[in-house]
Amino acid sequence: MSELGRVNCAIIGSRGLVAQRYLQRMINHNWLVPVSVIGSASTVGMKISELPWSLDEKRPELSDITVKGLDDLDRLITELKAAQVQIIFSAIPDDIAIKVEKDLAKAGFVVISHALVHRMDNDIPLVIPDVNPSHLSILKSQNFGNGYLISCSNCMVVPIALTL
């Protein structure tokens, strides 16, 4: 656990709308604290406060986190464990997600993915919390050791599912 009982988190993605929404919402969150951001080669080494801001809302006061890369997954896992990261919010393209997200879950992290590639896997829950929280029971049958992989639905599906 991090300072004040907040859970240390990482965000995979740095410039995209979903990744920046995560940053915006977690900066002053009561339970979660972003301690690591992982981005593409074009953003590695930059401070998150230096990244182009894509959202319409004003950029929040961002900490001095330096963007890490995915080029050496073993080293990244070691760094995330040293930073006591427990949850990884992933907002990366499918072609990258398919290569790293299951390995991160196997390394003991809870990975919450926005990638399409896991949405139809029988052993990965696809969750809309207000509609199907019981789908999380699938986590009991996952085979990722101490880690888990959860898939988020498409942003257009949530309001439709809630309405239905």
Protein backbone atom coordinates (compact mmCIF):
# COMPACT_ATOMS: atom_id res chain seq x y z
CA MET A 1 0.00 0.00 0.00
CA SER A 2 1.12 3.49 -0.67
CA GLU A 3 0.98 6.57 1.50
CA LEU A 4 -2.37 7.21 3.22
CA GLY A 5 -3.62 3.72 2.36
CA ARG A 6 -4.03 4.47 -1.34
CA VAL A 7 -3.24 1.66 -3.80
CA ASN A 8 -0.32 2.22 -6.17
CA CYS A 9 -1.33 1.95 -9.81
CA ALA A 10 0.25 2.10 -13.24
CA ILE A 11 -1.30 3.32 -16.46
CA ILE A 12 -0.25 1.81 -19.77
CA GLY A 13 -0.83 4.51 -22.32
CA SER A 14 0.16 8.14 -22.09
CA ARG A 15 -1.20 10.24 -24.93
CA GLY A 16 -4.53 8.60 -25.73
CA LEU A 17 -7.88 9.82 -24.47
CA VAL A 18 -8.52 6.83 -22.20
CA ALA A 19 -5.04 6.96 -20.64
CA GLN A 20 -5.31 10.69 -20.03
CA ARG A 21 -8.78 10.28 -18.56
CA TYR A 22 -7.26 7.77 -16.14
CA LEU A 23 -4.58 10.29 -15.19
CA GLN A 24 -7.14 13.04 -14.76
CA ARG A 25 -9.36 10.93 -12.53
CA MET A 26 -6.61 9.34 -10.43
CA ILE A 27 -4.50 12.37 -9.57
CA ASN A 28 -6.64 13.23 -6.54
CA HIS A 29 -8.40 9.90 -6.09
CA ASN A 30 -9.03 8.76 -2.51
CA TRP A 31 -8.07 5.13 -3.13
CA LEU A 32 -5.76 5.05 -6.14
CA VAL A 33 -2.46 6.79 -6.82
CA PRO A 34 -0.71 6.61 -10.19
CA VAL A 35 2.98 5.97 -9.61
CA SER A 36 3.96 4.79 -13.08
CA VAL A 37 2.96 5.60 -16.66
CA ILE A 38 4.06 3.40 -19.54
CA GLY A 39 3.94 4.81 -23.06
CA SER A 40 5.08 4.36 -26.62
CA ALA A 41 8.63 4.93 -27.80
CA SER A 42 7.71 8.51 -28.74
CA THR A 43 6.90 9.40 -25.11
CA VAL A 44 9.44 7.31 -23.16
CA GLY A 45 11.60 9.55 -20.98
CA MET A 46 9.15 12.46 -20.99
CA LYS A 47 7.52 13.73 -17.79
CA ILE A 48 3.75 13.23 -17.89
CA SER A 49 3.37 16.97 -17.29
CA GLU A 50 5.16 17.54 -20.63
CA LEU A 51 2.88 15.31 -22.73
CA PRO A 52 0.47 16.97 -25.13
CA TRP A 53 -2.92 17.11 -23.36
CA SER A 54 -5.74 15.64 -25.48
CA LEU A 55 -8.80 16.24 -23.29
CA ASP A 56 -11.02 19.30 -23.50
CA GLU A 57 -10.82 19.84 -19.75
CA LYS A 58 -7.91 21.71 -18.25
CA ARG A 59 -4.81 19.60 -17.57
CA PRO A 60 -4.70 18.67 -13.88
CA GLU A 61 -1.66 19.30 -11.74
CA LEU A 62 0.36 16.23 -12.72
CA SER A 63 3.19 14.73 -10.72
CA ASP A 64 6.73 14.32 -12.03
CA ILE A 65 6.29 10.76 -13.28
CA THR A 66 8.63 9.88 -16.15
CA VAL A 67 7.08 7.72 -18.88
CA LYS A 68 8.54 4.21 -19.06
CA GLY A 69 8.51 1.90 -22.07
CA LEU A 70 7.40 -1.64 -22.85
CA ASP A 71 10.60 -2.59 -24.67
CA ASP A 72 11.90 -4.72 -21.77
CA LEU A 73 8.87 -6.27 -20.06
CA ASP A 74 10.93 -8.14 -17.44
CA ARG A 75 12.64 -4.93 -16.34
CA LEU A 76 9.30 -3.09 -16.31
CA ILE A 77 7.74 -5.79 -14.12
CA THR A 78 10.66 -5.51 -11.69
CA GLU A 79 10.27 -1.71 -11.56
CA LEU A 80 6.50 -1.91 -11.05
CA LYS A 81 6.94 -4.41 -8.22
CA ALA A 82 9.59 -2.18 -6.61
CA ALA A 83 7.07 0.69 -6.79
CA GLN A 84 4.50 -1.60 -5.09
CA VAL A 85 2.09 -1.33 -8.01
CA GLN A 86 -0.96 -3.54 -7.52
CA ILE A 87 -3.29 -2.44 -10.32
CA ILE A 88 -2.47 -1.68 -13.95
CA PHE A 89 -4.99 0.24 -16.03
CA SER A 90 -4.27 -0.52 -19.67
CA ALA A 91 -5.37 1.74 -22.50
CA ILE A 92 -3.25 0.47 -25.37
CA PRO A 93 -3.95 -0.82 -28.88
CA ASP A 94 -4.91 -4.46 -29.34
CA ASP A 95 -1.68 -5.47 -31.09
CA ILE A 96 0.33 -4.41 -28.05
CA ALA A 97 -2.20 -5.54 -25.42
CA ILE A 98 -2.19 -9.11 -26.74
CA LYS A 99 1.59 -9.25 -26.22
CA VAL A 100 1.83 -7.85 -22.67
CA GLU A 101 -1.39 -7.88 -20.64
CA LYS A 102 -1.54 -11.60 -19.84
CA ASP A 103 2.16 -11.57 -18.90
CA LEU A 104 1.51 -8.66 -16.54
CA ALA A 105 -1.37 -10.59 -14.94
CA LYS A 106 0.88 -13.65 -14.61
CA ALA A 107 3.44 -11.41 -12.89
CA GLY A 108 0.86 -10.81 -10.13
CA PHE A 109 -0.82 -7.55 -11.15
CA VAL A 110 -4.52 -6.86 -11.50
CA VAL A 111 -4.76 -5.70 -15.12
CA ILE A 112 -7.86 -3.79 -16.21
CA SER A 113 -7.82 -3.70 -19.98
CA HIS A 114 -9.63 -1.57 -22.52
CA ALA A 115 -8.36 -3.71 -25.40
CA LEU A 116 -10.86 -5.48 -27.62
CA VAL A 117 -8.74 -8.64 -27.83
CA HIS A 118 -9.85 -10.08 -24.46
CA ARG A 119 -13.55 -9.26 -24.60
CA MET A 120 -14.65 -12.65 -25.89
CA ASP A 121 -12.24 -14.82 -23.87
CA ASN A 122 -14.19 -17.24 -21.64
CA ASP A 123 -11.78 -16.84 -18.74
CA ILE A 124 -11.70 -13.03 -18.70
CA PRO A 125 -14.66 -11.16 -17.25
CA LEU A 126 -16.19 -8.40 -19.35
CA VAL A 127 -17.60 -6.09 -16.72
CA ILE A 128 -20.11 -3.27 -16.63
CA PRO A 129 -20.31 -2.84 -12.83
CA ASP A 130 -23.94 -1.69 -12.64
CA VAL A 131 -25.10 -4.43 -15.02
CA ASN A 132 -23.07 -7.60 -14.41
CA PRO A 133 -20.83 -7.42 -11.32
CA SER A 134 -21.32 -11.16 -10.90
CA HIS A 135 -19.18 -11.65 -14.02
CA LEU A 136 -16.19 -11.00 -11.74
CA SER A 137 -16.72 -14.53 -10.38
CA ILE A 138 -14.82 -15.69 -13.49
CA LEU A 139 -11.67 -14.41 -11.75
CA LYS A 140 -11.79 -17.51 -9.52
CA SER A 141 -11.07 -19.69 -12.55
CA GLN A 142 -8.27 -17.59 -14.06
CA ASN A 143 -4.85 -19.15 -14.13
CA PHE A 144 -2.60 -16.11 -13.68
CA GLY A 145 -1.18 -17.02 -10.25
CA ASN A 146 -1.76 -14.00 -8.00
CA GLY A 147 -2.74 -11.70 -10.86
CA TYR A 148 -5.96 -11.09 -12.72
CA LEU A 149 -7.08 -9.75 -16.08
CA ILE A 150 -10.39 -7.93 -16.42
CA SER A 151 -11.78 -6.52 -19.65
CA CYS A 152 -13.79 -3.31 -19.92
CA SER A 153 -16.57 -2.99 -22.43
CA ASN A 154 -16.62 -0.48 -25.24
CA CYS A 155 -17.60 3.01 -24.02
CA MET A 156 -20.65 2.98 -26.32
CA VAL A 157 -21.94 -0.25 -24.79
CA VAL A 158 -22.20 1.03 -21.21
CA PRO A 159 -25.07 3.53 -21.67
CA ILE A 160 -26.94 1.08 -23.90
CA ALA A 161 -26.52 -1.80 -21.42
CA LEU A 162 -27.60 0.40 -18.50
CA THR A 163 -30.70 1.47 -20.39
CA LEU A 164 -31.63 -2.05 -21.41
